Amino acid sequence: MKVNKLWAALLATTFGLAATATPMVVEAQAKKKAAAPAMMGPAVVKKPIAIEPASLKWGMTTKQVGEAIDKQLDEAYKPLYQKVSPGVRMRALDAQLLEEKNTFRRSKIAFGKLPVAVDSTPLRGEYSYLNNEWMLSQTRDGKTRYFFFIQDKLWKIIDEIKLQKGGPFGANFQEAAVKLSTAYGTPGRIIPPNPDLGMYSTVVDWKDQATHVRLIERGEAAIAIAYEDNATLAKLDSLRPNKPKQEEEIDPAVAAAIRGDDKAPEPPPADPKKKK
């Protein structure tokens, strides 16, 4: 996606044109600006960033988040219970609700010593290994939500959302960016892809005092919205003392073979005190 075109669309929200701007208007504004202005940091919102349900708070433990999800599911099931009478169908509904609650708790993926399947998804890079981190997930109503914990404290939530015409976030990434800019009262900062830094998607971000939000492009028909605790982000480096091993750090013997050396590195000398 062209950054200038996206910026022009976001800029239109400032003047209340988001709902009526046509592609021609967007293109005209894009031509007037050679490039989007470079922001030093995320755009500061004029309206507070809200996370639903409101019972979710940064720093909650895994147990507390589980209890908050239980209450959310109880509310979601109330209309279903109102449609059934006590008996077989109600017991089936009880079992269904309990299973959904248990499924959430069983979804835990710990980022310990062994690689996990999530490494092959766009979520790679949102967590680190051997730093007491794990993730829980929940899928319902066409959205998958991932809860990230570090030292058993909730610090990040990522929603993976499929886009559709007439949906709450529109039919494409640009429409989603415009809708969020309108909701937050200001155009977001645009971060274009940079493969050299391992960034392969366009990102638009905002922040308030407590939360940083990233709108992430996920192809043509999907987006991700990442909510992060600012306090944790500020000390994230110290919370992750174990750093990933650099890929260029290879075994000395392998390095010697690649260089074409005649001999591999000599083994360390034997300890004379030890018996043969």
Foldseek 3Di string as FASTA:
>chain_A
DDQLLLLLLQVCLLVVCNVPDDSVSSVVNSVVDVHDDADPDKAAFPDDDADPPNQDDWFAFPVSVLVVVLVVLVVVCVVVVVVDDPDDVVVVSVVVSVVLSVQQVVQKDAQEDDDDPCCPDPCNVVDHYHLQKIWTWHDDPQKIKIFIDGPRTTFKIKIKHWEDDPDQQHFFLSSNQNSVSNVRVHRIRWDCADVVVPRDWIWTWYDYPFWIWIWTHDPGTIIMIMIGGPVCVVCVCVSCVDDDDDPVDDDQQVVCVVVVHPDGDDDDDDDPVDDD
